[in-house]
């Protein structure tokens, strides 16, 4: 991926949808496999660049996209805001709010770091803001090893973060990995989870600490 020549695809401007998977649902549709590159296409910028299986540019995160400290904007291939991820102010633990587009008053989801006294595989909990029954999505695994799974409230895996290898079998390292998303789960929301994981568990300086505002 030393040279990148992405194709522009249609904007992903639909609001994220909730997953309600069953085993039968997962077997009926093939998952979408995205390649996530922990790098901005812009020179001297931090961010993410995401491609589909055909090499089309799907999402991007660039440091100029945010004007306020504590927020990250997920954009489509055309540079339109898809989701805005904001760190919740005055929170006792790492908690992030996910908004549609550039909305700032009605979050779609809340993502919170799991805190436990004993070692556990659970990393994050994600709750829909509109949920009245306390539906909780769980993220478990190891982001450091690029081995994470997002489970829906029924306990089914709806997205996975996996290591990626070159065609010759050589590992591409932690900056290039795969995001496998089941058809009933929104890839925008899956990418938002990746961004929050990187902010909390990512190696080295976070995007926010490196950005100039």
C-alpha atoms as a PDB file:
ATOM      1  CA  UNK A   1       0.000   0.000   0.000  1.00  0.00           C
ATOM      2  CA  UNK A   2       2.932   2.336  -0.633  1.00  0.00           C
ATOM      3  CA  UNK A   3       0.947   3.853  -3.500  1.00  0.00           C
ATOM      4  CA  UNK A   4      -2.747   4.433  -3.150  1.00  0.00           C
ATOM      5  CA  UNK A   5      -5.042   5.122  -6.095  1.00  0.00           C
ATOM      6  CA  UNK A   6      -8.574   4.892  -4.674  1.00  0.00           C
ATOM      7  CA  UNK A   7     -11.751   5.100  -6.717  1.00  0.00           C
ATOM      8  CA  UNK A   8     -14.485   7.404  -5.512  1.00  0.00           C
ATOM      9  CA  UNK A   9     -17.692   5.611  -4.565  1.00  0.00           C
ATOM     10  CA  UNK A  10     -21.135   6.882  -3.677  1.00  0.00           C
ATOM     11  CA  UNK A  11     -21.319   8.712  -0.323  1.00  0.00           C
ATOM     12  CA  UNK A  12     -22.288   6.600   2.661  1.00  0.00           C
ATOM     13  CA  UNK A  13     -24.800   9.094   4.002  1.00  0.00           C
ATOM     14  CA  UNK A  14     -27.385   6.794   5.532  1.00  0.00           C
ATOM     15  CA  UNK A  15     -27.896   6.845   9.280  1.00  0.00           C
ATOM     16  CA  UNK A  16     -26.429   3.831  11.089  1.00  0.00           C
ATOM     17  CA  UNK A  17     -28.939   1.090  11.695  1.00  0.00           C
ATOM     18  CA  UNK A  18     -29.179  -1.229  14.673  1.00  0.00           C
ATOM     19  CA  UNK A  19     -28.124  -4.820  14.287  1.00  0.00           C
ATOM     20  CA  UNK A  20     -30.595  -7.541  15.137  1.00  0.00           C
ATOM     21  CA  UNK A  21     -28.838 -10.638  13.916  1.00  0.00           C
ATOM     22  CA  UNK A  22     -29.704 -14.291  14.014  1.00  0.00           C
ATOM     23  CA  UNK A  23     -27.532 -17.173  12.873  1.00  0.00           C
ATOM     24  CA  UNK A  24     -29.781 -17.640   9.825  1.00  0.00           C
ATOM     25  CA  UNK A  25     -29.448 -13.948   8.913  1.00  0.00           C
ATOM     26  CA  UNK A  26     -25.663 -14.135   9.051  1.00  0.00           C
ATOM     27  CA  UNK A  27     -25.595 -17.179   6.769  1.00  0.00           C
ATOM     28  CA  UNK A  28     -27.796 -15.566   4.114  1.00  0.00           C
ATOM     29  CA  UNK A  29     -25.522 -12.621   3.310  1.00  0.00           C
ATOM     30  CA  UNK A  30     -21.797 -12.348   2.815  1.00  0.00           C
ATOM     31  CA  UNK A  31     -19.986  -9.931   5.142  1.00  0.00           C
ATOM     32  CA  UNK A  32     -18.270  -6.853   3.746  1.00  0.00           C
ATOM     33  CA  UNK A  33     -14.503  -6.870   4.139  1.00  0.00           C
ATOM     34  CA  UNK A  34     -12.877  -3.450   4.468  1.00  0.00           C
ATOM     35  CA  UNK A  35      -9.183  -2.632   4.598  1.00  0.00           C
ATOM     36  CA  UNK A  36      -8.383  -0.025   7.232  1.00  0.00           C
ATOM     37  CA  UNK A  37      -5.179   1.946   6.872  1.00  0.00           C
ATOM     38  CA  UNK A  38      -4.184   3.926   9.961  1.00  0.00           C
ATOM     39  CA  UNK A  39      -2.955   6.822   7.862  1.00  0.00           C
ATOM     40  CA  UNK A  40      -4.403   9.881   6.193  1.00  0.00           C
ATOM     41  CA  UNK A  41      -4.037  10.315   2.435  1.00  0.00           C
ATOM     42  CA  UNK A  42      -3.089  13.920   3.120  1.00  0.00           C
ATOM     43  CA  UNK A  43       0.577  14.713   3.604  1.00  0.00           C
ATOM     44  CA  UNK A  44       1.692  15.179   7.217  1.00  0.00           C
ATOM     45  CA  UNK A  45      -1.759  14.390   8.641  1.00  0.00           C
ATOM     46  CA  UNK A  46      -3.018  11.764  11.039  1.00  0.00           C
ATOM     47  CA  UNK A  47      -6.153   9.754  10.402  1.00  0.00           C
ATOM     48  CA  UNK A  48      -7.625   6.685   8.718  1.00  0.00           C
ATOM     49  CA  UNK A  49      -8.205   5.628   5.126  1.00  0.00           C
ATOM     50  CA  UNK A  50     -10.654   2.789   4.448  1.00  0.00           C
ATOM     51  CA  UNK A  51     -11.079   0.788   1.213  1.00  0.00           C
ATOM     52  CA  UNK A  52     -13.550  -1.870   0.133  1.00  0.00           C
ATOM     53  CA  UNK A  53     -12.550  -5.219  -1.391  1.00  0.00           C
ATOM     54  CA  UNK A  54     -12.313  -3.643  -4.871  1.00  0.00           C
ATOM     55  CA  UNK A  55      -9.933  -0.907  -3.762  1.00  0.00           C
ATOM     56  CA  UNK A  56     -12.561   1.843  -3.691  1.00  0.00           C
ATOM     57  CA  UNK A  57     -12.162   4.545  -1.098  1.00  0.00           C
ATOM     58  CA  UNK A  58     -15.047   4.244   1.386  1.00  0.00           C
ATOM     59  CA  UNK A  59     -14.154   6.316   4.474  1.00  0.00           C
ATOM     60  CA  UNK A  60     -11.502   8.783   5.537  1.00  0.00           C
ATOM     61  CA  UNK A  61     -10.483  10.600   8.688  1.00  0.00           C
ATOM     62  CA  UNK A  62      -8.178  13.593   8.325  1.00  0.00           C
ATOM     63  CA  UNK A  63      -6.999  15.919  11.042  1.00  0.00           C
ATOM     64  CA  UNK A  64      -8.387  19.050   9.374  1.00  0.00           C
ATOM     65  CA  UNK A  65     -11.927  17.659   9.592  1.00  0.00           C
ATOM     66  CA  UNK A  66     -12.426  18.731  13.209  1.00  0.00           C
ATOM     67  CA  UNK A  67     -12.584  22.290  14.476  1.00  0.00           C
ATOM     68  CA  UNK A  68     -13.135  21.540  18.161  1.00  0.00           C
ATOM     69  CA  UNK A  69     -10.997  19.667  20.668  1.00  0.00           C
ATOM     70  CA  UNK A  70     -12.433  16.290  21.589  1.00  0.00           C
ATOM     71  CA  UNK A  71     -14.137  15.299  18.336  1.00  0.00           C
ATOM     72  CA  UNK A  72     -13.304  13.225  15.274  1.00  0.00           C
ATOM     73  CA  UNK A  73     -15.265  13.287  12.024  1.00  0.00           C
ATOM     74  CA  UNK A  74     -15.714  10.167   9.902  1.00  0.00           C
ATOM     75  CA  UNK A  75     -16.122  11.200   6.256  1.00  0.00           C
ATOM     76  CA  UNK A  76     -17.187   9.363   3.131  1.00  0.00           C
ATOM     77  CA  UNK A  77     -15.061   9.189  -0.023  1.00  0.00           C
ATOM     78  CA  UNK A  78     -16.265  12.645  -1.122  1.00  0.00           C
ATOM     79  CA  UNK A  79     -15.361  14.330   2.158  1.00  0.00           C
ATOM     80  CA  UNK A  80     -18.940  14.540   3.497  1.00  0.00           C
ATOM     81  CA  UNK A  81     -19.436  14.062   7.229  1.00  0.00           C
ATOM     82  CA  UNK A  82     -20.976  10.677   7.998  1.00  0.00           C
ATOM     83  CA  UNK A  83     -20.549  10.487  11.767  1.00  0.00           C
ATOM     84  CA  UNK A  84     -19.028  12.752  14.390  1.00  0.00           C
ATOM     85  CA  UNK A  85     -17.423  11.097  17.413  1.00  0.00           C
ATOM     86  CA  UNK A  86     -17.141  13.328  20.467  1.00  0.00           C
ATOM     87  CA  UNK A  87     -15.571  12.625  23.836  1.00  0.00           C
ATOM     88  CA  UNK A  88     -18.120  13.176  26.595  1.00  0.00           C
ATOM     89  CA  UNK A  89     -17.157  16.055  28.851  1.00  0.00           C
ATOM     90  CA  UNK A  90     -16.823  15.617  32.612  1.00  0.00           C
ATOM     91  CA  UNK A  91     -16.974  11.839  32.337  1.00  0.00           C
ATOM     92  CA  UNK A  92     -15.274   9.755  35.032  1.00  0.00           C
ATOM     93  CA  UNK A  93     -14.204   7.197  32.422  1.00  0.00           C
ATOM     94  CA  UNK A  94     -13.547   7.188  28.680  1.00  0.00           C
ATOM     95  CA  UNK A  95     -16.943   7.775  27.116  1.00  0.00           C
ATOM     96  CA  UNK A  96     -17.722   8.856  23.560  1.00  0.00           C
ATOM     97  CA  UNK A  97     -20.923   9.983  21.871  1.00  0.00           C
ATOM     98  CA  UNK A  98     -21.679   9.160  18.226  1.00  0.00           C
ATOM     99  CA  UNK A  99     -23.694  11.706  16.224  1.00  0.00           C
ATOM    100  CA  UNK A 100     -25.154  11.492  12.737  1.00  0.00           C
ATOM    101  CA  UNK A 101     -23.293  13.770  10.312  1.00  0.00           C
ATOM    102  CA  UNK A 102     -22.394  17.004  12.085  1.00  0.00           C
ATOM    103  CA  UNK A 103     -25.319  16.816  14.524  1.00  0.00           C
ATOM    104  CA  UNK A 104     -24.398  18.018  18.017  1.00  0.00           C
ATOM    105  CA  UNK A 105     -27.538  17.663  20.145  1.00  0.00           C
ATOM    106  CA  UNK A 106     -28.927  14.138  19.662  1.00  0.00           C
ATOM    107  CA  UNK A 107     -26.355  11.334  19.847  1.00  0.00           C
ATOM    108  CA  UNK A 108     -27.128   8.030  18.160  1.00  0.00           C
ATOM    109  CA  UNK A 109     -24.912   5.899  20.393  1.00  0.00           C
ATOM    110  CA  UNK A 110     -22.802   6.093  23.502  1.00  0.00           C
ATOM    111  CA  UNK A 111     -19.542   4.116  23.708  1.00  0.00           C
ATOM    112  CA  UNK A 112     -17.935   3.599  27.091  1.00  0.00           C
ATOM    113  CA  UNK A 113     -14.716   1.887  28.140  1.00  0.00           C
ATOM    114  CA  UNK A 114     -15.243  -1.210  30.255  1.00  0.00           C
ATOM    115  CA  UNK A 115     -13.631  -0.870  33.671  1.00  0.00           C
ATOM    116  CA  UNK A 116     -13.097  -3.958  35.831  1.00  0.00           C
ATOM    117  CA  UNK A 117     -10.930  -4.947  38.776  1.00  0.00           C
ATOM    118  CA  UNK A 118     -10.106  -8.299  37.201  1.00  0.00           C
ATOM    119  CA  UNK A 119      -8.680  -8.951  33.723  1.00  0.00           C
ATOM    120  CA  UNK A 120     -11.400  -9.326  31.097  1.00  0.00           C
ATOM    121  CA  UNK A 121     -11.657  -9.553  27.321  1.00  0.00           C
ATOM    122  CA  UNK A 122     -14.383  -6.896  27.221  1.00  0.00           C
ATOM    123  CA  UNK A 123     -13.080  -3.539  26.022  1.00  0.00           C
ATOM    124  CA  UNK A 124     -16.115  -1.353  25.340  1.00  0.00           C
ATOM    125  CA  UNK A 125     -19.866  -1.184  25.730  1.00  0.00           C
ATOM    126  CA  UNK A 126     -22.015   0.600  23.151  1.00  0.00           C
ATOM    127  CA  UNK A 127     -25.587   1.639  23.858  1.00  0.00           C
ATOM    128  CA  UNK A 128     -28.101   3.141  21.400  1.00  0.00           C
ATOM    129  CA  UNK A 129     -29.335   6.454  22.771  1.00  0.00           C
ATOM    130  CA  UNK A 130     -32.879   5.688  21.631  1.00  0.00           C
ATOM    131  CA  UNK A 131     -32.979   2.278  23.298  1.00  0.00           C
ATOM    132  CA  UNK A 132     -35.609   1.953  25.995  1.00  0.00           C
ATOM    133  CA  UNK A 133     -34.751  -1.615  26.979  1.00  0.00           C
ATOM    134  CA  UNK A 134     -31.062  -1.142  27.697  1.00  0.00           C
ATOM    135  CA  UNK A 135     -29.763  -2.927  24.580  1.00  0.00           C
ATOM    136  CA  UNK A 136     -25.990  -3.128  24.848  1.00  0.00           C
ATOM    137  CA  UNK A 137     -23.399  -3.981  22.209  1.00  0.00           C
ATOM    138  CA  UNK A 138     -20.153  -5.428  23.554  1.00  0.00           C
ATOM    139  CA  UNK A 139     -16.665  -5.132  22.063  1.00  0.00           C
ATOM    140  CA  UNK A 140     -14.203  -7.792  23.199  1.00  0.00           C
ATOM    141  CA  UNK A 141     -10.700  -8.936  22.332  1.00  0.00           C
ATOM    142  CA  UNK A 142      -7.394  -7.136  21.889  1.00  0.00           C
ATOM    143  CA  UNK A 143      -7.115  -4.013  19.773  1.00  0.00           C
ATOM    144  CA  UNK A 144      -3.338  -4.073  20.208  1.00  0.00           C
ATOM    145  CA  UNK A 145      -3.252  -7.419  18.382  1.00  0.00           C
ATOM    146  CA  UNK A 146      -6.016  -6.339  15.963  1.00  0.00           C
ATOM    147  CA  UNK A 147      -8.260  -9.134  17.171  1.00  0.00           C
ATOM    148  CA  UNK A 148     -11.619  -7.705  18.284  1.00  0.00           C
ATOM    149  CA  UNK A 149     -15.267  -8.633  17.882  1.00  0.00           C
ATOM    150  CA  UNK A 150     -18.427  -6.521  18.163  1.00  0.00           C
ATOM    151  CA  UNK A 151     -21.370  -8.482  19.583  1.00  0.00           C
ATOM    152  CA  UNK A 152     -24.970  -7.344  19.293  1.00  0.00           C
ATOM    153  CA  UNK A 153     -27.392  -7.460  22.281  1.00  0.00           C
ATOM    154  CA  UNK A 154     -28.345 -11.040  21.355  1.00  0.00           C
ATOM    155  CA  UNK A 155     -24.710 -12.133  21.574  1.00  0.00           C
ATOM    156  CA  UNK A 156     -24.047 -12.603  17.843  1.00  0.00           C
ATOM    157  CA  UNK A 157     -20.860 -11.285  16.229  1.00  0.00           C
ATOM    158  CA  UNK A 158     -21.732  -8.443  13.842  1.00  0.00           C
ATOM    159  CA  UNK A 159     -18.243  -7.081  13.074  1.00  0.00           C
ATOM    160  CA  UNK A 160     -14.640  -8.137  13.544  1.00  0.00           C
ATOM    161  CA  UNK A 161     -11.234  -6.479  13.467  1.00  0.00           C
ATOM    162  CA  UNK A 162      -8.590  -8.842  12.098  1.00  0.00           C
ATOM    163  CA  UNK A 163      -4.943  -8.700  11.090  1.00  0.00           C
ATOM    164  CA  UNK A 164      -4.254  -8.444   7.378  1.00  0.00           C
ATOM    165  CA  UNK A 165      -1.507 -10.163   5.436  1.00  0.00           C
ATOM    166  CA  UNK A 166      -0.076  -9.463   2.010  1.00  0.00           C
ATOM    167  CA  UNK A 167      -0.583 -11.904  -0.865  1.00  0.00           C
ATOM    168  CA  UNK A 168       2.789 -13.421   0.007  1.00  0.00           C
ATOM    169  CA  UNK A 169       1.700 -14.071   3.598  1.00  0.00           C
ATOM    170  CA  UNK A 170       3.759 -11.255   5.131  1.00  0.00           C
ATOM    171  CA  UNK A 171       2.059  -9.395   7.967  1.00  0.00           C
ATOM    172  CA  UNK A 172       1.318  -5.754   7.141  1.00  0.00           C
ATOM    173  CA  UNK A 173       1.636  -4.676  10.774  1.00  0.00           C
ATOM    174  CA  UNK A 174      -0.883  -2.974  13.007  1.00  0.00           C
ATOM    175  CA  UNK A 175      -1.368   0.071  10.773  1.00  0.00           C
ATOM    176  CA  UNK A 176      -3.135  -1.987   8.082  1.00  0.00           C
ATOM    177  CA  UNK A 177      -5.888  -4.369   9.145  1.00  0.00           C
ATOM    178  CA  UNK A 178      -9.243  -5.793   8.101  1.00  0.00           C
ATOM    179  CA  UNK A 179     -12.694  -4.772   9.300  1.00  0.00           C
ATOM    180  CA  UNK A 180     -15.224  -7.508   8.541  1.00  0.00           C
ATOM    181  CA  UNK A 181     -18.824  -6.281   8.838  1.00  0.00           C
ATOM    182  CA  UNK A 182     -21.914  -8.479   8.648  1.00  0.00           C
ATOM    183  CA  UNK A 183     -24.627  -7.260   6.278  1.00  0.00           C
ATOM    184  CA  UNK A 184     -27.115  -6.459   9.054  1.00  0.00           C
ATOM    185  CA  UNK A 185     -24.690  -4.112  10.825  1.00  0.00           C
ATOM    186  CA  UNK A 186     -23.752  -0.658   9.569  1.00  0.00           C
ATOM    187  CA  UNK A 187     -20.162  -0.259   8.416  1.00  0.00           C
ATOM    188  CA  UNK A 188     -20.206   3.432   9.444  1.00  0.00           C
ATOM    189  CA  UNK A 189     -20.901   2.422  13.021  1.00  0.00           C
ATOM    190  CA  UNK A 190     -18.288  -0.337  12.883  1.00  0.00           C
ATOM    191  CA  UNK A 191     -15.703   2.219  11.778  1.00  0.00           C
ATOM    192  CA  UNK A 192     -16.761   4.549  14.601  1.00  0.00           C
ATOM    193  CA  UNK A 193     -15.993   1.729  17.043  1.00  0.00           C
ATOM    194  CA  UNK A 194     -12.533   1.339  15.442  1.00  0.00           C
ATOM    195  CA  UNK A 195     -11.869   5.052  15.936  1.00  0.00           C
ATOM    196  CA  UNK A 196     -12.854   4.928  19.620  1.00  0.00           C
ATOM    197  CA  UNK A 197     -10.764   1.785  20.167  1.00  0.00           C
ATOM    198  CA  UNK A 198      -7.786   3.546  18.634  1.00  0.00           C
ATOM    199  CA  UNK A 199      -8.266   6.570  20.863  1.00  0.00           C
ATOM    200  CA  UNK A 200      -8.382   4.472  24.023  1.00  0.00           C
ATOM    201  CA  UNK A 201      -6.122   1.501  23.255  1.00  0.00           C
ATOM    202  CA  UNK A 202      -4.097   2.582  20.216  1.00  0.00           C
ATOM    203  CA  UNK A 203      -0.294   2.675  20.342  1.00  0.00           C
ATOM    204  CA  UNK A 204       1.450   6.008  20.493  1.00  0.00           C
ATOM    205  CA  UNK A 205      -0.146   9.466  20.482  1.00  0.00           C
ATOM    206  CA  UNK A 206      -3.866   9.592  19.737  1.00  0.00           C
ATOM    207  CA  UNK A 207      -5.282  11.527  16.801  1.00  0.00           C
ATOM    208  CA  UNK A 208      -6.651  14.195  19.109  1.00  0.00           C
ATOM    209  CA  UNK A 209      -3.366  14.810  20.904  1.00  0.00           C
ATOM    210  CA  UNK A 210      -1.547  15.218  17.598  1.00  0.00           C
ATOM    211  CA  UNK A 211      -4.055  17.570  16.037  1.00  0.00           C
ATOM    212  CA  UNK A 212      -3.764  21.335  16.061  1.00  0.00           C
ATOM    213  CA  UNK A 213      -6.973  23.217  16.808  1.00  0.00           C
END
